[in-house]
Amino acid sequence: MSTTFTDAVDDILGVIPGSPLDQLRRRRPVTRDNTQASYLALFHTGQLDDAGASERYAVALFVALLHDNHAAAAFYASGLTQSGAGPALTAAVRDAAQSGDTEGPYGTYREPGLQGESKPGLQWVAGQDLRDALGIRLTAALEHAHLLVFRPREASPAALQALLSAGWTTTGIVTLSQLVAFLSYQLRIITGLGLLNAQPTDEEAERTEAQNERIYS
């Protein structure tokens, strides 16, 4: 059930050793190493009793799709396949993400001083066909992940009870929450580095400026 033992962020971004993006990442070696260590702790652990490998990769695929990050989605879909899941489960996770697609964050604040900032939005629950395809545990995990991604302000004891009722242990719920938090962090890094990588080099910027001067002068 291995996707990578090299750097996951590099793999997702297709970073070439020695490239400007590689050099940029290596300017923050502690951040780079800790990010990879977190990935390994969540996806390459031997402690899978409370949250299985397929469940972890399925949640990761779901969250990556909710963030509209297709490179990360492909990476975690590969991990899901390598964990032993069949194509039907991968397709069900993709269908779930499509049905839960929305824009956030939103939700209702419980705190009186913040209630004026409450914003309504989709409270996604899987339909019966998806529930049948995903199973009770994974359905509950994806619904909880959707809550954490789009309306974390509505996290509540009732939301945790839904996971317990679906068969998740307390340890498994903690792992699931850590997983979603890590993915939010990792996906932001990937998005940011991708944008930086898309910036023109100094030479390209100078060439564009010279072209613009010729055109508009």
C-alpha atoms as a PDB file:
ATOM      1  CA  MET A   1       0.000   0.000   0.000  1.00  0.00           C
ATOM      2  CA  SER A   2       2.714   2.341  -0.857  1.00  0.00           C
ATOM      3  CA  THR A   3       2.368   5.402  -3.005  1.00  0.00           C
ATOM      4  CA  THR A   4       5.722   6.981  -2.368  1.00  0.00           C
ATOM      5  CA  PHE A   5       8.601   6.987   0.031  1.00  0.00           C
ATOM      6  CA  THR A   6      10.126   9.935  -1.736  1.00  0.00           C
ATOM      7  CA  ASP A   7       8.651  13.359  -1.110  1.00  0.00           C
ATOM      8  CA  ALA A   8       4.892  13.303  -1.646  1.00  0.00           C
ATOM      9  CA  VAL A   9       4.609  17.017  -2.460  1.00  0.00           C
ATOM     10  CA  ASP A  10       7.402  16.699  -5.020  1.00  0.00           C
ATOM     11  CA  ASP A  11       5.675  13.700  -6.561  1.00  0.00           C
ATOM     12  CA  ILE A  12       2.334  15.474  -6.830  1.00  0.00           C
ATOM     13  CA  LEU A  13       3.896  18.583  -8.355  1.00  0.00           C
ATOM     14  CA  GLY A  14       6.294  16.648 -10.574  1.00  0.00           C
ATOM     15  CA  VAL A  15       9.264  18.505  -9.152  1.00  0.00           C
ATOM     16  CA  ILE A  16      12.464  17.835 -11.080  1.00  0.00           C
ATOM     17  CA  PRO A  17      15.633  17.586  -8.964  1.00  0.00           C
ATOM     18  CA  GLY A  18      17.692  20.718  -9.380  1.00  0.00           C
ATOM     19  CA  SER A  19      14.829  22.721 -10.870  1.00  0.00           C
ATOM     20  CA  PRO A  20      13.967  26.191  -9.499  1.00  0.00           C
ATOM     21  CA  LEU A  21      11.000  24.697  -7.649  1.00  0.00           C
ATOM     22  CA  ASP A  22      13.211  22.013  -6.127  1.00  0.00           C
ATOM     23  CA  GLN A  23      15.707  24.643  -5.048  1.00  0.00           C
ATOM     24  CA  LEU A  24      12.905  26.735  -3.579  1.00  0.00           C
ATOM     25  CA  ARG A  25      11.641  23.828  -1.492  1.00  0.00           C
ATOM     26  CA  ARG A  26      15.129  23.032  -0.248  1.00  0.00           C
ATOM     27  CA  ARG A  27      15.430  26.540   1.168  1.00  0.00           C
ATOM     28  CA  ARG A  28      13.046  25.386   3.924  1.00  0.00           C
ATOM     29  CA  PRO A  29      14.413  21.898   4.747  1.00  0.00           C
ATOM     30  CA  VAL A  30      12.725  21.619   8.148  1.00  0.00           C
ATOM     31  CA  THR A  31       9.311  22.453   6.707  1.00  0.00           C
ATOM     32  CA  ARG A  32       9.890  20.080   3.822  1.00  0.00           C
ATOM     33  CA  ASP A  33      11.005  17.222   6.087  1.00  0.00           C
ATOM     34  CA  ASN A  34       8.201  17.726   8.609  1.00  0.00           C
ATOM     35  CA  THR A  35       5.565  17.817   5.882  1.00  0.00           C
ATOM     36  CA  GLN A  36       6.833  14.531   4.500  1.00  0.00           C
ATOM     37  CA  ALA A  37       7.090  13.043   8.005  1.00  0.00           C
ATOM     38  CA  SER A  38       3.435  13.905   8.619  1.00  0.00           C
ATOM     39  CA  TYR A  39       2.480  12.279   5.337  1.00  0.00           C
ATOM     40  CA  LEU A  40       4.376   9.102   6.214  1.00  0.00           C
ATOM     41  CA  ALA A  41       2.884   9.003   9.722  1.00  0.00           C
ATOM     42  CA  LEU A  42      -0.634   9.150   8.320  1.00  0.00           C
ATOM     43  CA  PHE A  43      -0.300   6.979   5.231  1.00  0.00           C
ATOM     44  CA  HIS A  44       2.553   4.593   5.939  1.00  0.00           C
ATOM     45  CA  THR A  45       1.867   3.655   9.513  1.00  0.00           C
ATOM     46  CA  GLY A  46       1.570   0.156  10.865  1.00  0.00           C
ATOM     47  CA  GLN A  47      -1.311   1.276  13.103  1.00  0.00           C
ATOM     48  CA  LEU A  48      -4.228   0.597  10.802  1.00  0.00           C
ATOM     49  CA  ASP A  49      -6.698  -1.067  13.180  1.00  0.00           C
ATOM     50  CA  ASP A  50      -8.789   2.056  13.759  1.00  0.00           C
ATOM     51  CA  ALA A  51      -8.485   3.591  10.280  1.00  0.00           C
ATOM     52  CA  GLY A  52      -7.561   1.304   7.404  1.00  0.00           C
ATOM     53  CA  ALA A  53      -5.288   2.205   4.527  1.00  0.00           C
ATOM     54  CA  SER A  54      -8.125   2.193   1.996  1.00  0.00           C
ATOM     55  CA  GLU A  55     -10.199   4.433   4.254  1.00  0.00           C
ATOM     56  CA  ARG A  56      -7.318   6.901   4.597  1.00  0.00           C
ATOM     57  CA  TYR A  57      -6.655   7.089   0.863  1.00  0.00           C
ATOM     58  CA  ALA A  58     -10.378   7.301   0.082  1.00  0.00           C
ATOM     59  CA  VAL A  59     -10.756  10.269   2.427  1.00  0.00           C
ATOM     60  CA  ALA A  60      -7.642  11.854   0.918  1.00  0.00           C
ATOM     61  CA  LEU A  61      -8.987  11.423  -2.614  1.00  0.00           C
ATOM     62  CA  PHE A  62     -12.319  12.899  -1.540  1.00  0.00           C
ATOM     63  CA  VAL A  63     -10.712  15.935   0.135  1.00  0.00           C
ATOM     64  CA  ALA A  64      -8.350  16.551  -2.792  1.00  0.00           C
ATOM     65  CA  LEU A  65     -11.315  16.559  -5.166  1.00  0.00           C
ATOM     66  CA  LEU A  66     -13.261  18.923  -2.910  1.00  0.00           C
ATOM     67  CA  HIS A  67     -10.255  21.258  -3.135  1.00  0.00           C
ATOM     68  CA  ASP A  68     -10.327  20.832  -6.913  1.00  0.00           C
ATOM     69  CA  ASN A  69      -6.706  19.685  -6.883  1.00  0.00           C
ATOM     70  CA  HIS A  70      -6.602  17.074  -9.621  1.00  0.00           C
ATOM     71  CA  ALA A  71      -2.892  16.325  -9.334  1.00  0.00           C
ATOM     72  CA  ALA A  72      -3.280  15.453  -5.661  1.00  0.00           C
ATOM     73  CA  ALA A  73      -6.454  13.545  -6.457  1.00  0.00           C
ATOM     74  CA  ALA A  74      -4.564  11.403  -8.983  1.00  0.00           C
ATOM     75  CA  PHE A  75      -1.832  10.774  -6.414  1.00  0.00           C
ATOM     76  CA  TYR A  76      -4.264   9.631  -3.728  1.00  0.00           C
ATOM     77  CA  ALA A  77      -6.373   7.665  -6.199  1.00  0.00           C
ATOM     78  CA  SER A  78      -3.222   5.717  -6.999  1.00  0.00           C
ATOM     79  CA  GLY A  79      -2.701   5.137  -3.303  1.00  0.00           C
ATOM     80  CA  LEU A  80      -6.270   3.932  -2.950  1.00  0.00           C
ATOM     81  CA  THR A  81      -5.736   1.404  -5.723  1.00  0.00           C
ATOM     82  CA  GLN A  82      -2.446   0.232  -4.207  1.00  0.00           C
ATOM     83  CA  SER A  83      -4.170  -0.198  -0.850  1.00  0.00           C
ATOM     84  CA  GLY A  84      -6.306  -2.914  -2.450  1.00  0.00           C
ATOM     85  CA  ALA A  85      -9.483  -0.986  -3.232  1.00  0.00           C
ATOM     86  CA  GLY A  86     -11.241  -1.807  -6.464  1.00  0.00           C
ATOM     87  CA  PRO A  87     -12.254   0.633  -9.206  1.00  0.00           C
ATOM     88  CA  ALA A  88     -15.859   0.645  -7.960  1.00  0.00           C
ATOM     89  CA  LEU A  89     -14.822   2.214  -4.671  1.00  0.00           C
ATOM     90  CA  THR A  90     -12.653   4.805  -6.398  1.00  0.00           C
ATOM     91  CA  ALA A  91     -15.568   5.683  -8.672  1.00  0.00           C
ATOM     92  CA  ALA A  92     -17.901   5.961  -5.680  1.00  0.00           C
ATOM     93  CA  VAL A  93     -15.522   8.363  -3.924  1.00  0.00           C
ATOM     94  CA  ARG A  94     -15.320  10.483  -7.070  1.00  0.00           C
ATOM     95  CA  ASP A  95     -19.129  10.491  -7.320  1.00  0.00           C
ATOM     96  CA  ALA A  96     -19.342  11.515  -3.681  1.00  0.00           C
ATOM     97  CA  ALA A  97     -16.982  14.433  -4.244  1.00  0.00           C
ATOM     98  CA  GLN A  98     -18.958  15.530  -7.272  1.00  0.00           C
ATOM     99  CA  SER A  99     -22.240  15.479  -5.370  1.00  0.00           C
ATOM    100  CA  GLY A 100     -20.638  17.373  -2.482  1.00  0.00           C
ATOM    101  CA  ASP A 101     -18.966  19.975  -4.657  1.00  0.00           C
ATOM    102  CA  THR A 102     -19.539  23.493  -3.365  1.00  0.00           C
ATOM    103  CA  GLU A 103     -17.665  26.596  -2.261  1.00  0.00           C
ATOM    104  CA  GLY A 104     -16.865  27.502   1.311  1.00  0.00           C
ATOM    105  CA  PRO A 105     -16.257  28.057   4.085  1.00  0.00           C
ATOM    106  CA  TYR A 106     -19.743  28.617   5.436  1.00  0.00           C
ATOM    107  CA  GLY A 107     -21.950  27.490   8.266  1.00  0.00           C
ATOM    108  CA  THR A 108     -23.638  28.688  11.423  1.00  0.00           C
ATOM    109  CA  TYR A 109     -21.713  30.021  14.389  1.00  0.00           C
ATOM    110  CA  ARG A 110     -22.972  29.074  17.835  1.00  0.00           C
ATOM    111  CA  GLU A 111     -21.204  32.002  19.478  1.00  0.00           C
ATOM    112  CA  PRO A 112     -23.633  34.946  19.872  1.00  0.00           C
ATOM    113  CA  GLY A 113     -20.982  37.476  18.860  1.00  0.00           C
ATOM    114  CA  LEU A 114     -20.314  35.673  15.579  1.00  0.00           C
ATOM    115  CA  GLN A 115     -23.812  34.674  14.534  1.00  0.00           C
ATOM    116  CA  GLY A 116     -24.055  37.703  12.250  1.00  0.00           C
ATOM    117  CA  GLU A 117     -21.267  36.158  10.174  1.00  0.00           C
ATOM    118  CA  SER A 118     -23.096  32.875   9.703  1.00  0.00           C
ATOM    119  CA  LYS A 119     -23.551  31.834   6.104  1.00  0.00           C
ATOM    120  CA  PRO A 120     -25.850  29.077   4.837  1.00  0.00           C
ATOM    121  CA  GLY A 121     -24.517  26.337   2.611  1.00  0.00           C
ATOM    122  CA  LEU A 122     -24.728  22.720   1.594  1.00  0.00           C
ATOM    123  CA  GLN A 123     -24.884  20.190   4.429  1.00  0.00           C
ATOM    124  CA  TRP A 124     -23.813  17.270   2.351  1.00  0.00           C
ATOM    125  CA  VAL A 125     -25.028  13.752   3.066  1.00  0.00           C
ATOM    126  CA  ALA A 126     -24.517  10.806   0.767  1.00  0.00           C
ATOM    127  CA  GLY A 127     -27.479   9.438  -1.140  1.00  0.00           C
ATOM    128  CA  GLN A 128     -28.537   5.844  -0.734  1.00  0.00           C
ATOM    129  CA  ASP A 129     -26.681   4.643  -3.836  1.00  0.00           C
ATOM    130  CA  LEU A 130     -23.457   6.146  -2.550  1.00  0.00           C
ATOM    131  CA  ARG A 131     -24.046   4.711   0.909  1.00  0.00           C
ATOM    132  CA  ASP A 132     -24.419   1.267  -0.602  1.00  0.00           C
ATOM    133  CA  ALA A 133     -21.211   1.692  -2.610  1.00  0.00           C
ATOM    134  CA  LEU A 134     -19.112   3.251   0.148  1.00  0.00           C
ATOM    135  CA  GLY A 135     -20.332   1.320   3.167  1.00  0.00           C
ATOM    136  CA  ILE A 136     -21.429   2.730   6.512  1.00  0.00           C
ATOM    137  CA  ARG A 137     -17.989   3.603   7.896  1.00  0.00           C
ATOM    138  CA  LEU A 138     -16.618   5.326   4.822  1.00  0.00           C
ATOM    139  CA  THR A 139     -19.879   7.192   4.212  1.00  0.00           C
ATOM    140  CA  ALA A 140     -19.692   8.624   7.730  1.00  0.00           C
ATOM    141  CA  ALA A 141     -16.008   9.480   7.235  1.00  0.00           C
ATOM    142  CA  LEU A 142     -16.652  11.372   3.993  1.00  0.00           C
ATOM    143  CA  GLU A 143     -19.611  13.244   5.452  1.00  0.00           C
ATOM    144  CA  HIS A 144     -17.425  14.250   8.388  1.00  0.00           C
ATOM    145  CA  ALA A 145     -14.590  15.270   6.064  1.00  0.00           C
ATOM    146  CA  HIS A 146     -17.020  17.448   4.100  1.00  0.00           C
ATOM    147  CA  LEU A 147     -18.060  19.088   7.365  1.00  0.00           C
ATOM    148  CA  LEU A 148     -14.455  19.817   8.320  1.00  0.00           C
ATOM    149  CA  VAL A 149     -13.562  21.188   4.882  1.00  0.00           C
ATOM    150  CA  PHE A 150     -16.520  23.506   4.372  1.00  0.00           C
ATOM    151  CA  ARG A 151     -18.166  24.258   7.721  1.00  0.00           C
ATOM    152  CA  PRO A 152     -15.797  23.391  10.558  1.00  0.00           C
ATOM    153  CA  ARG A 153     -17.597  25.981  12.691  1.00  0.00           C
ATOM    154  CA  GLU A 154     -20.454  23.464  12.920  1.00  0.00           C
ATOM    155  CA  ALA A 155     -18.327  20.663  14.369  1.00  0.00           C
ATOM    156  CA  SER A 156     -20.249  19.277  17.318  1.00  0.00           C
ATOM    157  CA  PRO A 157     -20.623  16.300  19.648  1.00  0.00           C
ATOM    158  CA  ALA A 158     -23.489  15.131  17.400  1.00  0.00           C
ATOM    159  CA  ALA A 159     -21.116  15.014  14.415  1.00  0.00           C
ATOM    160  CA  LEU A 160     -18.674  12.893  16.392  1.00  0.00           C
ATOM    161  CA  GLN A 161     -21.491  10.643  17.575  1.00  0.00           C
ATOM    162  CA  ALA A 162     -22.389   9.973  13.930  1.00  0.00           C
ATOM    163  CA  LEU A 163     -18.889   8.555  13.452  1.00  0.00           C
ATOM    164  CA  LEU A 164     -19.100   6.464  16.616  1.00  0.00           C
ATOM    165  CA  SER A 165     -22.466   5.117  15.500  1.00  0.00           C
ATOM    166  CA  ALA A 166     -20.926   4.127  12.158  1.00  0.00           C
ATOM    167  CA  GLY A 167     -18.278   2.051  13.905  1.00  0.00           C
ATOM    168  CA  TRP A 168     -15.394   4.475  14.235  1.00  0.00           C
ATOM    169  CA  THR A 169     -13.402   4.282  17.447  1.00  0.00           C
ATOM    170  CA  THR A 170     -12.224   7.344  19.318  1.00  0.00           C
ATOM    171  CA  THR A 171      -8.706   6.722  18.023  1.00  0.00           C
ATOM    172  CA  GLY A 172     -10.018   6.368  14.498  1.00  0.00           C
ATOM    173  CA  ILE A 173     -11.921   9.660  14.767  1.00  0.00           C
ATOM    174  CA  VAL A 174      -8.775  11.431  15.948  1.00  0.00           C
ATOM    175  CA  THR A 175      -6.848   9.949  13.019  1.00  0.00           C
ATOM    176  CA  LEU A 176      -9.562  10.991  10.600  1.00  0.00           C
ATOM    177  CA  SER A 177      -9.512  14.558  11.899  1.00  0.00           C
ATOM    178  CA  GLN A 178      -5.713  14.670  11.743  1.00  0.00           C
ATOM    179  CA  LEU A 179      -5.872  13.379   8.197  1.00  0.00           C
ATOM    180  CA  VAL A 180      -8.261  16.098   7.014  1.00  0.00           C
ATOM    181  CA  ALA A 181      -6.225  18.790   8.792  1.00  0.00           C
ATOM    182  CA  PHE A 182      -3.008  17.550   7.209  1.00  0.00           C
ATOM    183  CA  LEU A 183      -4.568  17.437   3.758  1.00  0.00           C
ATOM    184  CA  SER A 184      -5.792  21.009   4.099  1.00  0.00           C
ATOM    185  CA  TYR A 185      -2.230  22.039   4.917  1.00  0.00           C
ATOM    186  CA  GLN A 186      -0.588  19.902   2.231  1.00  0.00           C
ATOM    187  CA  LEU A 187      -3.001  20.998  -0.488  1.00  0.00           C
ATOM    188  CA  ARG A 188      -2.382  24.648   0.308  1.00  0.00           C
ATOM    189  CA  ILE A 189       1.357  24.071  -0.038  1.00  0.00           C
ATOM    190  CA  ILE A 190       0.837  22.322  -3.355  1.00  0.00           C
ATOM    191  CA  THR A 191      -1.426  25.081  -4.650  1.00  0.00           C
ATOM    192  CA  GLY A 192       0.996  27.793  -3.549  1.00  0.00           C
ATOM    193  CA  LEU A 193       4.040  26.112  -5.030  1.00  0.00           C
ATOM    194  CA  GLY A 194       2.136  25.453  -8.220  1.00  0.00           C
ATOM    195  CA  LEU A 195       1.336  29.151  -8.527  1.00  0.00           C
ATOM    196  CA  LEU A 196       4.944  30.101  -7.849  1.00  0.00           C
ATOM    197  CA  ASN A 197       6.110  27.614 -10.415  1.00  0.00           C
ATOM    198  CA  ALA A 198       3.764  29.184 -12.938  1.00  0.00           C
ATOM    199  CA  GLN A 199       5.356  32.607 -12.443  1.00  0.00           C
ATOM    200  CA  PRO A 200       7.611  33.659 -15.322  1.00  0.00           C
ATOM    201  CA  THR A 201      11.337  33.718 -14.796  1.00  0.00           C
ATOM    202  CA  ASP A 202      13.118  37.066 -14.784  1.00  0.00           C
ATOM    203  CA  GLU A 203      14.271  36.443 -18.354  1.00  0.00           C
ATOM    204  CA  GLU A 204      10.719  35.592 -19.454  1.00  0.00           C
ATOM    205  CA  ALA A 205       9.323  38.677 -17.704  1.00  0.00           C
ATOM    206  CA  GLU A 206      11.907  40.904 -19.401  1.00  0.00           C
ATOM    207  CA  ARG A 207      11.112  39.370 -22.775  1.00  0.00           C
ATOM    208  CA  THR A 208       7.384  39.948 -22.257  1.00  0.00           C
ATOM    209  CA  GLU A 209       7.997  43.545 -21.200  1.00  0.00           C
ATOM    210  CA  ALA A 210      10.122  44.168 -24.291  1.00  0.00           C
ATOM    211  CA  GLN A 211       7.413  42.696 -26.507  1.00  0.00           C
ATOM    212  CA  ASN A 212       4.776  44.877 -24.887  1.00  0.00           C
ATOM    213  CA  GLU A 213       6.905  47.970 -25.447  1.00  0.00           C
ATOM    214  CA  ARG A 214       7.269  47.141 -29.139  1.00  0.00           C
ATOM    215  CA  ILE A 215       3.538  46.572 -29.488  1.00  0.00           C
ATOM    216  CA  TYR A 216       2.254  49.588 -27.604  1.00  0.00           C
ATOM    217  CA  SER A 217       4.953  52.202 -28.321  1.00  0.00           C
END
